[in-house]
Amino acid sequence: MKINEFSNSEQDQQVPFNVVDDLAIFMRNDPMFYRKHYFPMMAKISDMHDRGESVDPIVLMKPVVDRGINSYCNKFKLGKKTDKLFSEQDKTDAVKKIYSEEMPYVKKGTYRASK
């Protein structure tokens, strides 16, 4: 047993970096996650934008953010701490961050399938 396993204080659960920023970077830069989940999500948002449809980022992106959290925790061997590491507010913040950073690329056509 490790010494830090004796303490359950909230301060001990905090990490020395912004988990939302780190998750967004992971989701963009992990080749398998990007290819299987991130790019298809952004392509779908791009298609909806091109058709003039309303895009609700929370509805469209939250399932992918949840998958991203699971992949992130598995890759870095964080175990079952996902609910302690990522609050619901963190998930919402991740969706908002990714959406705001990616929309200029969606509008430029970066995620558009070549025709």
Protein backbone atom coordinates (compact mmCIF):
# COMPACT_ATOMS: atom_id res chain seq x y z
CA MET A 1 0.00 0.00 0.00
CA LYS A 2 1.25 3.48 -0.87
CA ILE A 3 1.32 6.31 1.63
CA ASN A 4 -0.95 8.46 -0.53
CA GLU A 5 -3.66 5.79 -0.43
CA PHE A 6 -4.33 6.63 3.21
CA SER A 7 -5.56 10.11 2.41
CA ASN A 8 -8.89 10.81 0.75
CA SER A 9 -8.86 14.58 0.91
CA GLU A 10 -10.06 16.51 -2.12
CA GLN A 11 -6.72 18.29 -2.33
CA ASP A 12 -5.01 14.94 -2.91
CA GLN A 13 -7.35 14.20 -5.83
CA GLN A 14 -6.33 17.33 -7.75
CA VAL A 15 -3.77 17.13 -10.52
CA PRO A 16 -1.15 19.80 -11.21
CA PHE A 17 -2.47 20.57 -14.71
CA ASN A 18 -5.71 21.50 -16.42
CA VAL A 19 -7.46 18.20 -17.25
CA VAL A 20 -9.74 19.85 -19.82
CA ASP A 21 -6.80 21.21 -21.81
CA ASP A 22 -4.90 17.95 -21.50
CA LEU A 23 -7.92 15.93 -22.65
CA ALA A 24 -8.46 18.18 -25.69
CA ILE A 25 -4.80 17.82 -26.65
CA PHE A 26 -4.97 14.05 -26.19
CA MET A 27 -8.11 13.73 -28.32
CA ARG A 28 -6.51 15.67 -31.18
CA ASN A 29 -3.09 14.03 -31.01
CA ASP A 30 -3.74 10.36 -30.28
CA PRO A 31 -3.74 8.88 -33.80
CA MET A 32 -6.17 6.03 -33.12
CA PHE A 33 -8.65 8.13 -31.15
CA TYR A 34 -8.50 10.92 -33.70
CA ARG A 35 -9.09 8.57 -36.62
CA LYS A 36 -11.88 6.53 -35.04
CA HIS A 37 -13.79 9.15 -33.05
CA TYR A 38 -12.62 12.76 -33.26
CA PHE A 39 -12.43 13.25 -37.03
CA PRO A 40 -15.79 11.53 -37.72
CA MET A 41 -17.44 13.76 -35.09
CA MET A 42 -15.96 16.89 -36.64
CA ALA A 43 -16.87 15.73 -40.16
CA LYS A 44 -20.47 15.26 -39.03
CA ILE A 45 -20.53 18.74 -37.51
CA SER A 46 -19.02 20.11 -40.74
CA ASP A 47 -21.69 18.40 -42.85
CA MET A 48 -24.45 19.78 -40.61
CA HIS A 49 -22.93 23.24 -40.79
CA ASP A 50 -22.72 23.07 -44.59
CA ARG A 51 -26.39 22.07 -44.80
CA GLY A 52 -27.34 24.98 -42.52
CA GLU A 53 -28.58 22.68 -39.76
CA SER A 54 -28.47 23.68 -36.12
CA VAL A 55 -25.49 22.16 -34.31
CA ASP A 56 -25.86 21.39 -30.59
CA PRO A 57 -22.28 20.72 -29.48
CA ILE A 58 -23.29 19.15 -26.17
CA VAL A 59 -25.51 16.55 -27.86
CA LEU A 60 -23.07 15.78 -30.68
CA MET A 61 -19.77 15.95 -28.85
CA LYS A 62 -20.39 14.72 -25.29
CA PRO A 63 -20.40 11.00 -26.24
CA VAL A 64 -17.05 11.48 -27.99
CA VAL A 65 -15.67 13.42 -25.02
CA ASP A 66 -16.79 10.55 -22.76
CA ARG A 67 -14.95 8.08 -25.02
CA GLY A 68 -11.97 10.41 -24.98
CA ILE A 69 -11.94 10.39 -21.18
CA ASN A 70 -12.02 6.59 -21.13
CA SER A 71 -9.22 6.35 -23.70
CA TYR A 72 -7.20 8.99 -21.86
CA CYS A 73 -7.55 7.20 -18.52
CA ASN A 74 -6.74 3.81 -20.07
CA LYS A 75 -3.71 5.10 -21.95
CA PHE A 76 -2.25 6.78 -18.88
CA LYS A 77 -3.32 3.95 -16.57
CA LEU A 78 -5.52 6.09 -14.33
CA GLY A 79 -7.86 3.22 -13.54
CA LYS A 80 -11.40 3.91 -12.44
CA LYS A 81 -10.74 7.47 -11.33
CA THR A 82 -12.54 9.03 -14.30
CA ASP A 83 -15.44 10.34 -12.21
CA LYS A 84 -13.00 11.87 -9.71
CA LEU A 85 -10.67 13.26 -12.35
CA PHE A 86 -13.37 14.64 -14.69
CA SER A 87 -16.46 16.28 -13.25
CA GLU A 88 -19.58 16.90 -15.33
CA GLN A 89 -18.49 20.54 -15.55
CA ASP A 90 -15.10 19.42 -16.91
CA LYS A 91 -16.88 17.41 -19.60
CA THR A 92 -19.03 20.38 -20.57
CA ASP A 93 -15.96 22.64 -20.57
CA ALA A 94 -14.14 20.17 -22.83
CA VAL A 95 -17.03 20.21 -25.31
CA LYS A 96 -17.11 24.02 -25.31
CA LYS A 97 -13.33 24.28 -25.68
CA ILE A 98 -13.12 21.83 -28.58
CA TYR A 99 -16.15 23.34 -30.31
CA SER A 100 -14.85 26.89 -30.07
CA GLU A 101 -11.38 25.90 -31.26
CA GLU A 102 -12.61 23.72 -34.15
CA MET A 103 -15.42 25.88 -35.57
CA PRO A 104 -13.06 28.15 -37.53
CA TYR A 105 -11.69 25.00 -39.22
CA VAL A 106 -15.22 23.71 -39.86
CA LYS A 107 -16.13 27.03 -41.50
CA LYS A 108 -12.98 26.90 -43.66
CA GLY A 109 -13.91 23.39 -44.82
CA THR A 110 -11.05 21.52 -43.17
CA TYR A 111 -13.27 18.57 -42.25
CA ARG A 112 -15.16 18.51 -45.52
CA ALA A 113 -14.80 15.34 -47.58
CA SER A 114 -13.08 16.06 -50.85
CA LYS A 115 -15.51 15.85 -53.74
